PDB file of N, CA and C in Angstrom:
ATOM      1  N   MET A   1      31.239  29.168 177.666  1.00  0.00           N
ATOM      2  CA  MET A   1      31.167  28.119 178.669  1.00  0.00           C
ATOM      3  C   MET A   1      32.488  27.346 178.778  1.00  0.00           C
ATOM      4  N   ARG A   2      33.183  27.181 177.679  1.00  0.00           N
ATOM      5  CA  ARG A   2      34.450  26.457 177.689  1.00  0.00           C
ATOM      6  C   ARG A   2      35.454  27.153 178.613  1.00  0.00           C
ATOM      7  N   PHE A   3      35.454  28.491 178.560  1.00  0.00           N
ATOM      8  CA  PHE A   3      36.360  29.285 179.399  1.00  0.00           C
ATOM      9  C   PHE A   3      36.097  28.995 180.874  1.00  0.00           C
ATOM     10  N   VAL A   4      34.825  29.053 181.257  1.00  0.00           N
ATOM     11  CA  VAL A   4      34.440  28.829 182.655  1.00  0.00           C
ATOM     12  C   VAL A   4      34.788  27.408 183.077  1.00  0.00           C
ATOM     13  N   LYS A   5      34.495  26.437 182.242  1.00  0.00           N
ATOM     14  CA  LYS A   5      34.793  25.043 182.573  1.00  0.00           C
ATOM     15  C   LYS A   5      36.291  24.838 182.768  1.00  0.00           C
ATOM     16  N   ARG A   6      37.098  25.415 181.886  1.00  0.00           N
ATOM     17  CA  ARG A   6      38.548  25.262 182.001  1.00  0.00           C
ATOM     18  C   ARG A   6      39.073  25.932 183.265  1.00  0.00           C
ATOM     19  N   ALA A   7      38.568  27.122 183.563  1.00  0.00           N
ATOM     20  CA  ALA A   7      38.992  27.827 184.778  1.00  0.00           C
ATOM     21  C   ALA A   7      38.631  27.020 186.022  1.00  0.00           C
ATOM     22  N   ARG A   8      37.458  26.448 186.042  1.00  0.00           N
ATOM     23  CA  ARG A   8      37.028  25.643 187.192  1.00  0.00           C
ATOM     24  C   ARG A   8      37.856  24.365 187.289  1.00  0.00           C
ATOM     25  N   THR A   9      38.200  23.774 186.145  1.00  0.00           N
ATOM     26  CA  THR A   9      39.045  22.584 186.130  1.00  0.00           C
ATOM     27  C   THR A   9      40.411  22.876 186.742  1.00  0.00           C
ATOM     28  N   LEU A  10      40.898  24.096 186.546  1.00  0.00           N
ATOM     29  CA  LEU A  10      42.184  24.490 187.116  1.00  0.00           C
ATOM     30  C   LEU A  10      42.061  24.947 188.567  1.00  0.00           C
ATOM     31  N   GLY A  11      40.856  24.864 189.111  1.00  0.00           N
ATOM     32  CA  GLY A  11      40.670  25.131 190.533  1.00  0.00           C
ATOM     33  C   GLY A  11      40.380  26.570 190.898  1.00  0.00           C
ATOM     34  N   PHE A  12      40.158  27.420 189.919  1.00  0.00           N
ATOM     35  CA  PHE A  12      39.799  28.798 190.248  1.00  0.00           C
ATOM     36  C   PHE A  12      38.409  28.816 190.867  1.00  0.00           C
ATOM     37  N   SER A  13      38.229  29.678 191.861  1.00  0.00           N
ATOM     38  CA  SER A  13      36.931  29.817 192.508  1.00  0.00           C
ATOM     39  C   SER A  13      35.935  30.454 191.538  1.00  0.00           C
ATOM     40  N   VAL A  14      34.684  30.446 191.908  1.00  0.00           N
ATOM     41  CA  VAL A  14      33.654  31.086 191.091  1.00  0.00           C
ATOM     42  C   VAL A  14      33.970  32.574 190.934  1.00  0.00           C
ATOM     43  N   GLU A  15      34.382  33.198 192.040  1.00  0.00           N
ATOM     44  CA  GLU A  15      34.704  34.624 192.010  1.00  0.00           C
ATOM     45  C   GLU A  15      35.914  34.904 191.110  1.00  0.00           C
ATOM     46  N   GLU A  16      36.956  34.085 191.255  1.00  0.00           N
ATOM     47  CA  GLU A  16      38.138  34.241 190.412  1.00  0.00           C
ATOM     48  C   GLU A  16      37.792  34.021 188.942  1.00  0.00           C
ATOM     49  N   THR A  17      36.969  33.028 188.687  1.00  0.00           N
ATOM     50  CA  THR A  17      36.560  32.738 187.317  1.00  0.00           C
ATOM     51  C   THR A  17      35.796  33.912 186.727  1.00  0.00           C
ATOM     52  N   ALA A  18      34.896  34.497 187.513  1.00  0.00           N
ATOM     53  CA  ALA A  18      34.143  35.661 187.035  1.00  0.00           C
ATOM     54  C   ALA A  18      35.087  36.822 186.726  1.00  0.00           C
ATOM     55  N   THR A  19      36.069  37.047 187.593  1.00  0.00           N
ATOM     56  CA  THR A  19      37.043  38.110 187.365  1.00  0.00           C
ATOM     57  C   THR A  19      37.851  37.836 186.098  1.00  0.00           C
ATOM     58  N   LEU A  20      38.321  36.602 185.957  1.00  0.00           N
ATOM     59  CA  LEU A  20      39.090  36.240 184.769  1.00  0.00           C
ATOM     60  C   LEU A  20      38.254  36.358 183.492  1.00  0.00           C
ATOM     61  N   LEU A  21      36.996  35.970 183.575  1.00  0.00           N
ATOM     62  CA  LEU A  21      36.112  36.082 182.421  1.00  0.00           C
ATOM     63  C   LEU A  21      35.947  37.548 182.023  1.00  0.00           C
ATOM     64  N   GLY A  22      35.770  38.399 183.026  1.00  0.00           N
ATOM     65  CA  GLY A  22      35.671  39.825 182.746  1.00  0.00           C
ATOM     66  C   GLY A  22      36.935  40.362 182.104  1.00  0.00           C
ATOM     67  N   LEU A  23      38.080  39.921 182.597  1.00  0.00           N
ATOM     68  CA  LEU A  23      39.353  40.355 182.018  1.00  0.00           C
ATOM     69  C   LEU A  23      39.528  39.819 180.594  1.00  0.00           C
ATOM     70  N   TRP A  24      39.101  38.588 180.375  1.00  0.00           N
ATOM     71  CA  TRP A  24      39.190  37.984 179.050  1.00  0.00           C
ATOM     72  C   TRP A  24      38.369  38.781 178.031  1.00  0.00           C
ATOM     73  N   GLN A  25      37.197  39.242 178.482  1.00  0.00           N
ATOM     74  CA  GLN A  25      36.314  39.998 177.598  1.00  0.00           C
ATOM     75  C   GLN A  25      36.773  41.440 177.404  1.00  0.00           C
ATOM     76  N   ASP A  26      37.607  41.933 178.317  1.00  0.00           N
ATOM     77  CA  ASP A  26      38.103  43.306 178.245  1.00  0.00           C
ATOM     78  C   ASP A  26      39.406  43.321 177.446  1.00  0.00           C
ATOM     79  N   LYS A  27      39.310  43.697 176.196  1.00  0.00           N
ATOM     80  CA  LYS A  27      40.490  43.671 175.319  1.00  0.00           C
ATOM     81  C   LYS A  27      41.506  44.750 175.674  1.00  0.00           C
ATOM     82  N   SER A  28      41.141  45.705 176.557  1.00  0.00           N
ATOM     83  CA  SER A  28      42.095  46.735 176.980  1.00  0.00           C
ATOM     84  C   SER A  28      42.735  46.411 178.319  1.00  0.00           C
ATOM     85  N   ARG A  29      42.542  45.196 178.775  1.00  0.00           N
ATOM     86  CA  ARG A  29      43.074  44.772 180.079  1.00  0.00           C
ATOM     87  C   ARG A  29      44.595  44.780 180.078  1.00  0.00           C
ATOM     88  N   ALA A  30      45.132  44.844 181.255  1.00  0.00           N
ATOM     89  CA  ALA A  30      46.579  44.655 181.426  1.00  0.00           C
ATOM     90  C   ALA A  30      46.801  43.187 181.765  1.00  0.00           C
ATOM     91  N   SER A  31      47.698  42.531 181.066  1.00  0.00           N
ATOM     92  CA  SER A  31      47.936  41.118 181.341  1.00  0.00           C
ATOM     93  C   SER A  31      48.497  40.916 182.746  1.00  0.00           C
ATOM     94  N   ALA A  32      49.057  41.971 183.334  1.00  0.00           N
ATOM     95  CA  ALA A  32      49.590  41.877 184.693  1.00  0.00           C
ATOM     96  C   ALA A  32      48.500  41.492 185.690  1.00  0.00           C
ATOM     97  N   GLU A  33      47.281  41.977 185.470  1.00  0.00           N
ATOM     98  CA  GLU A  33      46.165  41.616 186.368  1.00  0.00           C
ATOM     99  C   GLU A  33      45.893  40.123 186.311  1.00  0.00           C
ATOM    100  N   VAL A  34      45.889  39.597 185.106  1.00  0.00           N
ATOM    101  CA  VAL A  34      45.638  38.167 184.909  1.00  0.00           C
ATOM    102  C   VAL A  34      46.755  37.356 185.549  1.00  0.00           C
ATOM    103  N   LYS A  35      47.974  37.788 185.328  1.00  0.00           N
ATOM    104  CA  LYS A  35      49.119  37.077 185.901  1.00  0.00           C
ATOM    105  C   LYS A  35      49.080  37.109 187.421  1.00  0.00           C
ATOM    106  N   ASP A  36      48.693  38.236 188.012  1.00  0.00           N
ATOM    107  CA  ASP A  36      48.582  38.329 189.474  1.00  0.00           C
ATOM    108  C   ASP A  36      47.581  37.320 190.026  1.00  0.00           C
ATOM    109  N   ILE A  37      46.450  37.196 189.351  1.00  0.00           N
ATOM    110  CA  ILE A  37      45.431  36.234 189.793  1.00  0.00           C
ATOM    111  C   ILE A  37      45.972  34.808 189.675  1.00  0.00           C
ATOM    112  N   ALA A  38      46.608  34.509 188.548  1.00  0.00           N
ATOM    113  CA  ALA A  38      47.156  33.161 188.332  1.00  0.00           C
ATOM    114  C   ALA A  38      48.261  32.855 189.337  1.00  0.00           C
ATOM    115  N   THR A  39      49.121  33.832 189.594  1.00  0.00           N
ATOM    116  CA  THR A  39      50.227  33.620 190.530  1.00  0.00           C
ATOM    117  C   THR A  39      49.713  33.398 191.953  1.00  0.00           C
ATOM    118  N   ALA A  40      48.717  34.159 192.351  1.00  0.00           N
ATOM    119  CA  ALA A  40      48.121  33.966 193.677  1.00  0.00           C
ATOM    120  C   ALA A  40      47.480  32.580 193.768  1.00  0.00           C
ATOM    121  N   HIS A  41      46.850  32.162 192.687  1.00  0.00           N
ATOM    122  CA  HIS A  41      46.210  30.838 192.671  1.00  0.00           C
ATOM    123  C   HIS A  41      47.255  29.722 192.754  1.00  0.00           C
ATOM    124  N   ILE A  42      48.370  29.912 192.077  1.00  0.00           N
ATOM    125  CA  ILE A  42      49.460  28.930 192.165  1.00  0.00           C
ATOM    126  C   ILE A  42      49.930  28.793 193.602  1.00  0.00           C
ATOM    127  N   GLY A  43      50.104  29.912 194.290  1.00  0.00           N
ATOM    128  CA  GLY A  43      50.514  29.872 195.696  1.00  0.00           C
ATOM    129  C   GLY A  43      49.518  29.128 196.563  1.00  0.00           C
ATOM    130  N   ALA A  44      48.225  29.386 196.321  1.00  0.00           N
ATOM    131  CA  ALA A  44      47.183  28.697 197.088  1.00  0.00           C
ATOM    132  C   ALA A  44      47.200  27.195 196.801  1.00  0.00           C
ATOM    133  N   LEU A  45      47.406  26.831 195.536  1.00  0.00           N
ATOM    134  CA  LEU A  45      47.473  25.412 195.181  1.00  0.00           C
ATOM    135  C   LEU A  45      48.679  24.733 195.820  1.00  0.00           C
ATOM    136  N   GLU A  46      49.822  25.418 195.821  1.00  0.00           N
ATOM    137  CA  GLU A  46      51.022  24.841 196.425  1.00  0.00           C
ATOM    138  C   GLU A  46      50.834  24.649 197.931  1.00  0.00           C
ATOM    139  N   THR A  47      50.177  25.589 198.579  1.00  0.00           N
ATOM    140  CA  THR A  47      49.877  25.445 200.006  1.00  0.00           C
ATOM    141  C   THR A  47      48.968  24.245 200.231  1.00  0.00           C
ATOM    142  N   LYS A  48      47.947  24.128 199.403  1.00  0.00           N
ATOM    143  CA  LYS A  48      47.004  23.006 199.529  1.00  0.00           C
ATOM    144  C   LYS A  48      47.715  21.674 199.291  1.00  0.00           C
ATOM    145  N   ILE A  49      48.606  21.628 198.309  1.00  0.00           N
ATOM    146  CA  ILE A  49      49.365  20.401 198.036  1.00  0.00           C
ATOM    147  C   ILE A  49      50.195  20.016 199.253  1.00  0.00           C
ATOM    148  N   THR A  50      50.862  20.985 199.861  1.00  0.00           N
ATOM    149  CA  THR A  50      51.676  20.722 201.055  1.00  0.00           C
ATOM    150  C   THR A  50      50.803  20.187 202.185  1.00  0.00           C
ATOM    151  N   GLU A  51      49.639  20.808 202.374  1.00  0.00           N
ATOM    152  CA  GLU A  51      48.725  20.350 203.414  1.00  0.00           C
ATOM    153  C   GLU A  51      48.233  18.937 203.135  1.00  0.00           C
ATOM    154  N   LEU A  52      47.888  18.646 201.884  1.00  0.00           N
ATOM    155  CA  LEU A  52      47.421  17.306 201.524  1.00  0.00           C
ATOM    156  C   LEU A  52      48.524  16.261 201.703  1.00  0.00           C
ATOM    157  N   GLN A  53      49.761  16.610 201.350  1.00  0.00           N
ATOM    158  CA  GLN A  53      50.877  15.681 201.536  1.00  0.00           C
ATOM    159  C   GLN A  53      51.087  15.385 203.018  1.00  0.00           C
ATOM    160  N   SER A  54      50.920  16.391 203.853  1.00  0.00           N
ATOM    161  CA  SER A  54      51.038  16.194 205.297  1.00  0.00           C
ATOM    162  C   SER A  54      49.933  15.277 205.815  1.00  0.00           C
ATOM    163  N   MET A  55      48.721  15.459 205.304  1.00  0.00           N
ATOM    164  CA  MET A  55      47.602  14.598 205.700  1.00  0.00           C
ATOM    165  C   MET A  55      47.872  13.153 205.312  1.00  0.00           C
ATOM    166  N   VAL A  56      48.366  12.949 204.098  1.00  0.00           N
ATOM    167  CA  VAL A  56      48.672  11.590 203.626  1.00  0.00           C
ATOM    168  C   VAL A  56      49.731  10.960 204.516  1.00  0.00           C
ATOM    169  N   LYS A  57      50.780  11.703 204.833  1.00  0.00           N
ATOM    170  CA  LYS A  57      51.857  11.182 205.679  1.00  0.00           C
ATOM    171  C   LYS A  57      51.320  10.772 207.046  1.00  0.00           C
ATOM    172  N   THR A  58      50.506  11.625 207.650  1.00  0.00           N
ATOM    173  CA  THR A  58      49.935  11.324 208.962  1.00  0.00           C
ATOM    174  C   THR A  58      49.049  10.093 208.908  1.00  0.00           C
ATOM    175  N   LEU A  59      48.185  10.029 207.900  1.00  0.00           N
ATOM    176  CA  LEU A  59      47.284   8.881 207.791  1.00  0.00           C
ATOM    177  C   LEU A  59      48.033   7.590 207.472  1.00  0.00           C
ATOM    178  N   LYS A  60      49.061   7.674 206.648  1.00  0.00           N
ATOM    179  CA  LYS A  60      49.862   6.469 206.365  1.00  0.00           C
ATOM    180  C   LYS A  60      50.519   5.956 207.641  1.00  0.00           C
ATOM    181  N   HIS A  61      51.051   6.883 208.433  1.00  0.00           N
ATOM    182  CA  HIS A  61      51.687   6.483 209.688  1.00  0.00           C
ATOM    183  C   HIS A  61      50.669   5.831 210.623  1.00  0.00           C
ATOM    184  N   SER A  62      49.517   6.467 210.783  1.00  0.00           N
ATOM    185  CA  SER A  62      48.483   5.905 211.660  1.00  0.00           C
ATOM    186  C   SER A  62      48.006   4.549 211.169  1.00  0.00           C
ATOM    187  N   ALA A  63      47.805   4.426 209.863  1.00  0.00           N
ATOM    188  CA  ALA A  63      47.353   3.151 209.294  1.00  0.00           C
ATOM    189  C   ALA A  63      48.412   2.076 209.477  1.00  0.00           C
ATOM    190  N   HIS A  64      49.684   2.450 209.332  1.00  0.00           N
ATOM    191  CA  HIS A  64      50.777   1.498 209.528  1.00  0.00           C
ATOM    192  C   HIS A  64      50.816   1.016 210.981  1.00  0.00           C
ATOM    193  N   CYS A  65      50.548   1.906 211.913  1.00  0.00           N
ATOM    194  CA  CYS A  65      50.599   1.562 213.343  1.00  0.00           C
ATOM    195  C   CYS A  65      49.372   0.784 213.803  1.00  0.00           C
ATOM    196  N   CYS A  66      48.320   0.797 213.004  1.00  0.00           N
ATOM    197  CA  CYS A  66      47.086   0.102 213.390  1.00  0.00           C
ATOM    198  C   CYS A  66      47.199  -1.367 213.001  1.00  0.00           C
ATOM    199  N   SER A  67      46.978  -2.247 213.973  1.00  0.00           N
ATOM    200  CA  SER A  67      47.086  -3.676 213.680  1.00  0.00           C
ATOM    201  C   SER A  67      45.911  -4.174 212.841  1.00  0.00           C
ATOM    202  N   GLY A  68      44.818  -3.457 212.834  1.00  0.00           N
ATOM    203  CA  GLY A  68      43.686  -3.841 211.997  1.00  0.00           C
ATOM    204  C   GLY A  68      43.102  -5.196 212.346  1.00  0.00           C
ATOM    205  N   ASP A  69      43.151  -5.539 213.635  1.00  0.00           N
ATOM    206  CA  ASP A  69      42.626  -6.841 214.046  1.00  0.00           C
ATOM    207  C   ASP A  69      41.349  -6.646 214.862  1.00  0.00           C
ATOM    208  N   GLU A  70      41.050  -7.613 215.695  1.00  0.00           N
ATOM    209  CA  GLU A  70      39.814  -7.575 216.481  1.00  0.00           C
ATOM    210  C   GLU A  70      39.938  -6.753 217.757  1.00  0.00           C
ATOM    211  N   ARG A  71      41.161  -6.316 218.084  1.00  0.00           N
ATOM    212  CA  ARG A  71      41.349  -5.521 219.307  1.00  0.00           C
ATOM    213  C   ARG A  71      40.785  -4.119 219.107  1.00  0.00           C
ATOM    214  N   PRO A  72      40.323  -3.482 220.185  1.00  0.00           N
ATOM    215  CA  PRO A  72      39.737  -2.146 220.059  1.00  0.00           C
ATOM    216  C   PRO A  72      40.771  -1.024 219.925  1.00  0.00           C
ATOM    217  N   ASN A  73      42.038  -1.304 220.280  1.00  0.00           N
ATOM    218  CA  ASN A  73      43.058  -0.260 220.193  1.00  0.00           C
ATOM    219  C   ASN A  73      43.220   0.184 218.744  1.00  0.00           C
ATOM    220  N   CYS A  74      43.176   1.499 218.519  1.00  0.00           N
ATOM    221  CA  CYS A  74      43.281   1.995 217.148  1.00  0.00           C
ATOM    222  C   CYS A  74      44.000   3.338 217.121  1.00  0.00           C
ATOM    223  N   PRO A  75      45.244   3.356 216.651  1.00  0.00           N
ATOM    224  CA  PRO A  75      45.988   4.608 216.578  1.00  0.00           C
ATOM    225  C   PRO A  75      45.350   5.639 215.646  1.00  0.00           C
ATOM    226  N   ILE A  76      44.576   5.188 214.690  1.00  0.00           N
ATOM    227  CA  ILE A  76      43.897   6.129 213.791  1.00  0.00           C
ATOM    228  C   ILE A  76      42.877   6.935 214.588  1.00  0.00           C
ATOM    229  N   LEU A  77      42.053   6.237 215.364  1.00  0.00           N
ATOM    230  CA  LEU A  77      41.058   6.925 216.188  1.00  0.00           C
ATOM    231  C   LEU A  77      41.720   7.749 217.289  1.00  0.00           C
ATOM    232  N   ASP A  78      42.820   7.228 217.849  1.00  0.00           N
ATOM    233  CA  ASP A  78      43.550   7.986 218.871  1.00  0.00           C
ATOM    234  C   ASP A  78      44.048   9.309 218.297  1.00  0.00           C
ATOM    235  N   ASP A  79      44.584   9.267 217.092  1.00  0.00           N
ATOM    236  CA  ASP A  79      45.072  10.488 216.460  1.00  0.00           C
ATOM    237  C   ASP A  79      43.930  11.471 216.212  1.00  0.00           C
ATOM    238  N   LEU A  80      42.801  10.960 215.715  1.00  0.00           N
ATOM    239  CA  LEU A  80      41.661  11.835 215.469  1.00  0.00           C
ATOM    240  C   LEU A  80      41.155  12.478 216.754  1.00  0.00           C
ATOM    241  N   ALA A  81      41.223  11.718 217.844  1.00  0.00           N
ATOM    242  CA  ALA A  81      40.774  12.236 219.151  1.00  0.00           C
ATOM    243  C   ALA A  81      41.823  13.097 219.818  1.00  0.00           C
ATOM    244  N   GLY A  82      43.046  13.072 219.297  1.00  0.00           N
ATOM    245  CA  GLY A  82      44.118  13.853 219.893  1.00  0.00           C
ATOM    246  C   GLY A  82      44.642  13.253 221.187  1.00  0.00           C
ATOM    247  N   THR A  83      44.526  11.932 221.304  1.00  0.00           N
ATOM    248  CA  THR A  83      45.011  11.248 222.496  1.00  0.00           C
ATOM    249  C   THR A  83      46.278  10.478 222.157  1.00  0.00           C
ATOM    250  N   PRO A  84      47.109  10.173 223.173  1.00  0.00           N
ATOM    251  CA  PRO A  84      48.321   9.380 222.923  1.00  0.00           C
ATOM    252  C   PRO A  84      47.959   8.030 222.314  1.00  0.00           C
ATOM    253  N   ALA A  85      48.851   7.504 221.506  1.00  0.00           N
ATOM    254  CA  ALA A  85      48.629   6.208 220.852  1.00  0.00           C
ATOM    255  C   ALA A  85      48.409   5.116 221.884  1.00  0.00           C
ATOM    256  N   SER A  86      47.533   4.190 221.537  1.00  0.00           N
ATOM    257  CA  SER A  86      47.247   3.051 222.406  1.00  0.00           C
ATOM    258  C   SER A  86      48.471   2.179 222.545  1.00  0.00           C
ATOM    259  N   LYS A  87      48.626   1.537 223.684  1.00  0.00           N
ATOM    260  CA  LYS A  87      49.731   0.608 223.914  1.00  0.00           C
ATOM    261  C   LYS A  87      49.410  -0.743 223.278  1.00  0.00           C
ATOM    262  N   GLY A  88      50.441  -1.446 222.948  1.00  0.00           N
ATOM    263  CA  GLY A  88      50.285  -2.839 222.504  1.00  0.00           C
ATOM    264  C   GLY A  88      49.859  -2.987 221.056  1.00  0.00           C
ATOM    265  N   HIS A  89      50.269  -2.079 220.187  1.00  0.00           N
ATOM    266  CA  HIS A  89      49.921  -2.241 218.777  1.00  0.00           C
ATOM    267  C   HIS A  89      51.127  -2.503 217.964  1.00  0.00           C
TER     268      HIS A  89
END
């Protein structure tokens, strides 16, 4: 169970974890298979990090542009709707 928990903590999918568990139990495995899975996972994580950083940047910009007052104009909602930013903010 510790193996599965650690793999899941590192973000491996259920399928990847099952594959890794099988490889871990197979003492005749080639470590290259394990490395390929880990390397592919690193690439997926790096892509996700880039996407998350882009989301943070966009939301920070929208939040900065929002006056957060009693007016209905809201650049955050405009961005979500895909409409041009409201005037007068």
